Amino acid sequence: SICCVNQCDALMESIERAIARPIASPTAVIELVSSLSTDTVAAPRNLSRSLGQKLDRIAEQHKGHVPLHGRLFAQWMSHAFPN
């Protein structure tokens, strides 16, 4: 059978492979995500200030780190890669 690749899964695999930890600093996430591309989002790109601020707020709730497998990061990723 033929299966479609889920772009969200592919993005998360790239992030997990690059960071190799369940948490990361907001700066590391921004640097990495700005270098990732999909069929609808070209890289490199500058992420908006508001996306950076949202990521900082997530980190503030978690002792300065972004949990990569949490609901808030998943929501943030949906803003960073809307399609």
Protein backbone atom coordinates (compact mmCIF):
# COMPACT_ATOMS: atom_id res chain seq x y z
CA SER A 1 0.00 0.00 0.00
CA ILE A 2 1.04 3.61 -0.55
CA CYS A 3 1.30 6.00 2.35
CA CYS A 4 1.58 9.79 2.37
CA VAL A 5 4.38 11.38 4.37
CA ASN A 6 3.05 13.58 7.12
CA GLN A 7 5.00 16.85 6.91
CA CYS A 8 4.52 17.48 10.62
CA ASP A 9 6.16 14.16 11.42
CA ALA A 10 9.03 14.91 9.05
CA LEU A 11 9.57 18.34 10.65
CA MET A 12 9.55 16.87 14.15
CA GLU A 13 12.01 14.18 13.11
CA SER A 14 14.34 16.88 11.80
CA ILE A 15 14.04 18.83 15.04
CA GLU A 16 14.52 15.77 17.23
CA ARG A 17 17.55 14.64 15.24
CA ALA A 18 19.19 18.08 15.33
CA ILE A 19 18.53 18.86 18.99
CA ALA A 20 18.83 15.30 20.34
CA ARG A 21 17.15 16.24 23.62
CA PRO A 22 13.51 16.53 24.73
CA ILE A 23 13.99 20.24 25.51
CA ALA A 24 15.76 23.14 23.83
CA SER A 25 16.39 26.83 24.28
CA PRO A 26 14.11 29.17 22.34
CA THR A 27 17.15 30.43 20.43
CA ALA A 28 18.10 26.93 19.29
CA VAL A 29 14.54 26.24 18.18
CA ILE A 30 14.29 29.51 16.23
CA GLU A 31 17.62 28.90 14.49
CA LEU A 32 16.67 25.37 13.54
CA VAL A 33 13.07 26.05 12.49
CA SER A 34 14.10 29.02 10.37
CA SER A 35 16.31 26.64 8.38
CA LEU A 36 13.58 24.03 7.75
CA SER A 37 11.42 24.00 4.64
CA THR A 38 8.32 22.18 3.47
CA ASP A 39 6.44 22.03 0.19
CA THR A 40 4.73 25.31 1.10
CA VAL A 41 7.38 27.08 3.22
CA ALA A 42 10.80 27.96 1.82
CA ALA A 43 13.97 28.17 3.91
CA PRO A 44 15.92 29.97 5.07
CA ARG A 45 13.45 32.45 6.45
CA ASN A 46 13.02 34.99 9.18
CA LEU A 47 10.41 34.03 11.73
CA SER A 48 8.21 36.84 12.97
CA ARG A 49 8.84 38.61 16.25
CA SER A 50 5.48 37.37 17.53
CA LEU A 51 6.47 33.74 16.87
CA GLY A 52 9.67 34.32 18.84
CA GLN A 53 7.71 35.89 21.67
CA LYS A 54 5.30 32.96 21.77
CA LEU A 55 8.21 30.56 22.00
CA ASP A 56 9.76 32.65 24.80
CA ARG A 57 6.47 32.46 26.73
CA ILE A 58 6.49 28.67 26.40
CA ALA A 59 10.06 28.58 27.72
CA GLU A 60 9.17 30.88 30.64
CA GLN A 61 6.68 28.26 31.82
CA HIS A 62 9.36 25.55 31.68
CA LYS A 63 12.45 27.00 33.38
CA GLY A 64 13.78 28.60 30.20
CA HIS A 65 13.45 25.60 27.91
CA VAL A 66 10.94 24.55 25.28
CA PRO A 67 9.59 21.00 25.71
CA LEU A 68 9.61 19.61 22.18
CA HIS A 69 6.89 17.04 22.78
CA GLY A 70 4.39 19.29 24.51
CA ARG A 71 1.06 20.64 23.34
CA LEU A 72 2.24 24.25 23.34
CA PHE A 73 5.20 23.51 21.08
CA ALA A 74 2.92 21.57 18.70
CA GLN A 75 0.63 24.61 18.55
CA TRP A 76 3.63 26.87 17.96
CA MET A 77 4.80 24.65 15.10
CA SER A 78 1.36 24.95 13.49
CA HIS A 79 1.88 28.73 13.43
CA ALA A 80 5.42 28.40 12.11
CA PHE A 81 4.25 26.01 9.36
CA PRO A 82 0.60 26.93 8.75
CA ASN A 83 0.01 24.74 5.69
